[in-house]
Amino acid sequence: MAAPVITITRQYASGGSEVARLVAGALGWTVIDNEFVDQVAERAGLPAAEVAQLEERAPGLLERLARTLAVASPEMFLASAAAPPVERDEATIVQVTERVIAEAAAHGRIVLVGRGAQAVLARRPDALHVYVVASKPWRMQLAVERLGVDPARVEQVVDETDRQRDQYVKTYYKRQRRRQSGGDGSNCGFRIADCGLDGP
């Protein structure tokens, strides 16, 4: 039997990455969080900044339409550098990310943060899937103080990031990211207040 795995799904600015580090530290396990970006970029042959921009989001309607037009009528984009990249789409990044998740999980004793890991490993019986939430005012404060989000846009950033993450899991895995329990007890919700972490 493979060694166990924990996945951490989190609301934006809920402290999920910090929870992952605390859990991994207490267990003596490894955390893979932002390291996903570097590993996926290296394997996909893409700049890390491009992978970071595309991670945990599904393309919107306008992006999909632009790509379709670019393939069907490339002449529309000849005079412009605005042609959307067709070959470097999110689906490729998702596939590479899935391979990174599967390889990391094969080693076990690992805490995987985000990137749809809970969906990729949904059927794995030795995986515990945790969803970290926090109150919106707490998340907005953390986003401003620790993540450098503009206070004038913080509510929009928090809402949009969560919406993109929800859409990513729904688009690529046909699952709800916020699903609290799989009925088998392997999933659990987690409020940041339960952790005893100080606010921002």
Foldseek 3Di string as FASTA:
>chain_A
DAAFEEEEEEQAQQCRVVVQVVVLVVLVFAEDELVLLVQLCVVVVHDSVVSVVLFLFADDPVLVVLLVCCVVPVVVPPVHPPRDDNVPHSVSSLVSSLVVLVVVCRNYRYYYYARLSCLSCVPPPRYAYEYEYEDPVLSLVSCCPPVVDDNVCSVVVSVVSNVRNQVSCCVPRVDGSPDADPVPPRGHYHYSVVVVDDGD
